[in-house]
Amino acid sequence: MANEVLAQEAEIDEQWYEDAIELRGVHLNLLQIKSAFREYEALVRAEGDRIISKLVKPSDMNDEEFVSKK
């Protein structure tokens, strides 16, 4: 498939953002790392729930199957 066709098929309202942040001499203890991980996990879960909530059930799938796939 041509790239143009793929770009037309995928109408996604998401955009990747990346920023390089230089860190020097960072000192973190285990509690700080665990806290940062919990914060990151909460953000990922919220974003995942938002994306999953936008899914549309295919016509050939019943409600139980669709819920189990989510």
N, C-alpha and C. Protein backbone atom coordinates (compact mmCIF):
# COMPACT_ATOMS: atom_id res chain seq x y z
N MET A 1 0.83 -1.20 0.00
CA MET A 1 0.00 0.00 0.00
C MET A 1 0.87 1.25 0.00
N ALA A 2 0.39 2.22 -0.66
CA ALA A 2 1.11 3.49 -0.69
C ALA A 2 0.97 4.20 0.65
N ASN A 3 1.94 4.97 1.00
CA ASN A 3 1.91 5.70 2.27
C ASN A 3 0.74 6.67 2.33
N GLU A 4 0.34 7.21 1.19
CA GLU A 4 -0.77 8.15 1.17
C GLU A 4 -2.06 7.47 1.61
N VAL A 5 -2.26 6.22 1.16
CA VAL A 5 -3.47 5.48 1.52
C VAL A 5 -3.46 5.19 3.01
N LEU A 6 -2.32 4.79 3.54
CA LEU A 6 -2.22 4.50 4.97
C LEU A 6 -2.50 5.75 5.79
N ALA A 7 -2.01 6.88 5.33
CA ALA A 7 -2.23 8.13 6.05
C ALA A 7 -3.70 8.51 6.02
N GLN A 8 -4.39 8.24 4.93
CA GLN A 8 -5.80 8.57 4.84
C GLN A 8 -6.65 7.66 5.70
N GLU A 9 -6.26 6.37 5.81
CA GLU A 9 -7.04 5.43 6.60
C GLU A 9 -6.94 5.72 8.09
N ALA A 10 -5.82 6.20 8.54
CA ALA A 10 -5.60 6.41 9.96
C ALA A 10 -5.87 7.87 10.32
N GLU A 11 -7.10 8.18 10.62
CA GLU A 11 -7.44 9.52 11.06
C GLU A 11 -7.43 9.54 12.57
N ILE A 12 -6.27 9.73 13.13
CA ILE A 12 -6.08 9.68 14.57
C ILE A 12 -5.87 11.10 15.09
N ASP A 13 -6.56 11.40 16.18
CA ASP A 13 -6.42 12.74 16.74
C ASP A 13 -5.34 12.78 17.82
N GLU A 14 -4.46 11.80 17.83
CA GLU A 14 -3.36 11.75 18.79
C GLU A 14 -2.08 12.19 18.09
N GLN A 15 -1.19 12.76 18.86
CA GLN A 15 0.09 13.17 18.31
C GLN A 15 1.17 12.87 19.34
N TRP A 16 2.28 12.32 18.87
CA TRP A 16 3.39 11.99 19.74
C TRP A 16 4.19 13.24 20.06
N TYR A 17 4.54 13.37 21.33
CA TYR A 17 5.35 14.50 21.75
C TYR A 17 6.59 13.96 22.45
N GLU A 18 7.72 14.47 22.09
CA GLU A 18 8.96 14.04 22.71
C GLU A 18 9.84 15.25 22.94
N ASP A 19 10.46 15.29 24.11
CA ASP A 19 11.34 16.40 24.43
C ASP A 19 12.54 15.84 25.18
N ALA A 20 13.72 16.19 24.73
CA ALA A 20 14.94 15.73 25.38
C ALA A 20 15.24 16.63 26.57
N ILE A 21 15.35 16.03 27.74
CA ILE A 21 15.65 16.77 28.97
C ILE A 21 16.97 16.23 29.51
N GLU A 22 17.95 17.09 29.57
CA GLU A 22 19.24 16.67 30.09
C GLU A 22 19.22 16.70 31.61
N LEU A 23 19.70 15.61 32.21
CA LEU A 23 19.80 15.51 33.66
C LEU A 23 21.25 15.27 34.03
N ARG A 24 21.70 15.99 35.01
CA ARG A 24 23.07 15.80 35.48
C ARG A 24 23.05 15.66 37.00
N GLY A 25 23.75 14.70 37.49
CA GLY A 25 23.92 14.55 38.93
C GLY A 25 22.62 14.34 39.68
N VAL A 26 21.70 13.55 39.14
CA VAL A 26 20.44 13.31 39.81
C VAL A 26 20.63 12.22 40.86
N HIS A 27 20.10 12.46 42.04
CA HIS A 27 20.19 11.48 43.11
C HIS A 27 18.76 11.23 43.61
N LEU A 28 18.28 10.01 43.40
CA LEU A 28 16.94 9.64 43.84
C LEU A 28 17.04 8.46 44.79
N ASN A 29 16.22 8.50 45.84
CA ASN A 29 16.16 7.34 46.71
C ASN A 29 15.00 6.45 46.25
N LEU A 30 14.86 5.29 46.86
CA LEU A 30 13.86 4.33 46.44
C LEU A 30 12.44 4.88 46.58
N LEU A 31 12.17 5.62 47.63
CA LEU A 31 10.83 6.19 47.81
C LEU A 31 10.49 7.18 46.71
N GLN A 32 11.44 7.97 46.27
CA GLN A 32 11.20 8.93 45.19
C GLN A 32 10.95 8.20 43.87
N ILE A 33 11.67 7.13 43.63
CA ILE A 33 11.47 6.35 42.40
C ILE A 33 10.09 5.70 42.42
N LYS A 34 9.71 5.14 43.57
CA LYS A 34 8.38 4.52 43.68
C LYS A 34 7.28 5.55 43.48
N SER A 35 7.46 6.72 44.03
CA SER A 35 6.48 7.79 43.88
C SER A 35 6.35 8.22 42.42
N ALA A 36 7.48 8.38 41.75
CA ALA A 36 7.46 8.76 40.33
C ALA A 36 6.79 7.66 39.50
N PHE A 37 7.04 6.41 39.83
CA PHE A 37 6.43 5.31 39.10
C PHE A 37 4.92 5.31 39.30
N ARG A 38 4.45 5.53 40.54
CA ARG A 38 3.00 5.57 40.79
C ARG A 38 2.34 6.69 40.00
N GLU A 39 3.01 7.84 39.95
CA GLU A 39 2.46 8.98 39.19
C GLU A 39 2.40 8.64 37.70
N TYR A 40 3.46 8.06 37.18
CA TYR A 40 3.50 7.66 35.77
C TYR A 40 2.43 6.60 35.48
N GLU A 41 2.29 5.63 36.38
CA GLU A 41 1.29 4.57 36.19
C GLU A 41 -0.12 5.14 36.15
N ALA A 42 -0.41 6.11 37.00
CA ALA A 42 -1.72 6.75 37.02
C ALA A 42 -1.99 7.50 35.71
N LEU A 43 -0.98 8.19 35.21
CA LEU A 43 -1.13 8.90 33.93
C LEU A 43 -1.37 7.93 32.78
N VAL A 44 -0.63 6.83 32.75
CA VAL A 44 -0.78 5.85 31.69
C VAL A 44 -2.15 5.19 31.77
N ARG A 45 -2.60 4.86 32.97
CA ARG A 45 -3.91 4.23 33.15
C ARG A 45 -5.03 5.17 32.68
N ALA A 46 -4.94 6.44 33.05
CA ALA A 46 -5.96 7.41 32.65
C ALA A 46 -6.00 7.57 31.13
N GLU A 47 -4.84 7.64 30.51
CA GLU A 47 -4.78 7.78 29.05
C GLU A 47 -5.30 6.51 28.38
N GLY A 48 -4.94 5.36 28.91
CA GLY A 48 -5.44 4.09 28.36
C GLY A 48 -6.95 3.99 28.47
N ASP A 49 -7.50 4.38 29.62
CA ASP A 49 -8.96 4.36 29.79
C ASP A 49 -9.64 5.31 28.81
N ARG A 50 -9.02 6.45 28.57
CA ARG A 50 -9.60 7.42 27.62
C ARG A 50 -9.62 6.84 26.21
N ILE A 51 -8.54 6.18 25.82
CA ILE A 51 -8.45 5.60 24.48
C ILE A 51 -9.43 4.44 24.34
N ILE A 52 -9.49 3.58 25.36
CA ILE A 52 -10.40 2.43 25.31
C ILE A 52 -11.85 2.88 25.27
N SER A 53 -12.18 3.96 25.95
CA SER A 53 -13.57 4.43 25.96
C SER A 53 -14.03 4.88 24.57
N LYS A 54 -13.09 5.20 23.68
CA LYS A 54 -13.44 5.64 22.32
C LYS A 54 -13.64 4.48 21.35
N LEU A 55 -13.34 3.25 21.78
CA LEU A 55 -13.48 2.11 20.88
C LEU A 55 -14.94 1.90 20.49
N VAL A 56 -15.15 1.50 19.25
CA VAL A 56 -16.49 1.25 18.74
C VAL A 56 -16.63 -0.25 18.50
N LYS A 57 -17.76 -0.81 18.97
CA LYS A 57 -18.00 -2.24 18.84
C LYS A 57 -18.24 -2.61 17.38
N PRO A 58 -17.50 -3.59 16.86
CA PRO A 58 -17.74 -4.05 15.50
C PRO A 58 -19.12 -4.71 15.40
N SER A 59 -19.72 -4.64 14.25
CA SER A 59 -21.07 -5.17 14.08
C SER A 59 -21.13 -6.69 14.21
N ASP A 60 -20.02 -7.39 13.94
CA ASP A 60 -20.03 -8.85 14.01
C ASP A 60 -19.65 -9.38 15.40
N MET A 61 -19.57 -8.53 16.39
CA MET A 61 -19.17 -8.95 17.74
C MET A 61 -20.30 -8.65 18.71
N ASN A 62 -20.60 -9.61 19.61
CA ASN A 62 -21.66 -9.35 20.58
C ASN A 62 -21.10 -8.53 21.75
N ASP A 63 -21.99 -8.07 22.61
CA ASP A 63 -21.60 -7.17 23.70
C ASP A 63 -20.62 -7.81 24.66
N GLU A 64 -20.83 -9.08 25.00
CA GLU A 64 -19.96 -9.76 25.95
C GLU A 64 -18.53 -9.88 25.41
N GLU A 65 -18.40 -10.24 24.14
CA GLU A 65 -17.07 -10.33 23.53
C GLU A 65 -16.37 -8.97 23.50
N PHE A 66 -17.13 -7.95 23.17
CA PHE A 66 -16.55 -6.61 23.08
C PHE A 66 -16.04 -6.13 24.44
N VAL A 67 -16.83 -6.37 25.48
CA VAL A 67 -16.43 -5.95 26.82
C VAL A 67 -15.20 -6.73 27.26
N SER A 68 -15.14 -8.02 26.93
CA SER A 68 -13.98 -8.83 27.34
C SER A 68 -12.71 -8.40 26.58
N LYS A 69 -12.85 -7.93 25.35
CA LYS A 69 -11.70 -7.46 24.57
C LYS A 69 -11.17 -6.14 25.09
N LYS A 70 -12.07 -5.32 25.64
CA LYS A 70 -11.65 -4.02 26.17
C LYS A 70 -10.73 -4.26 27.32
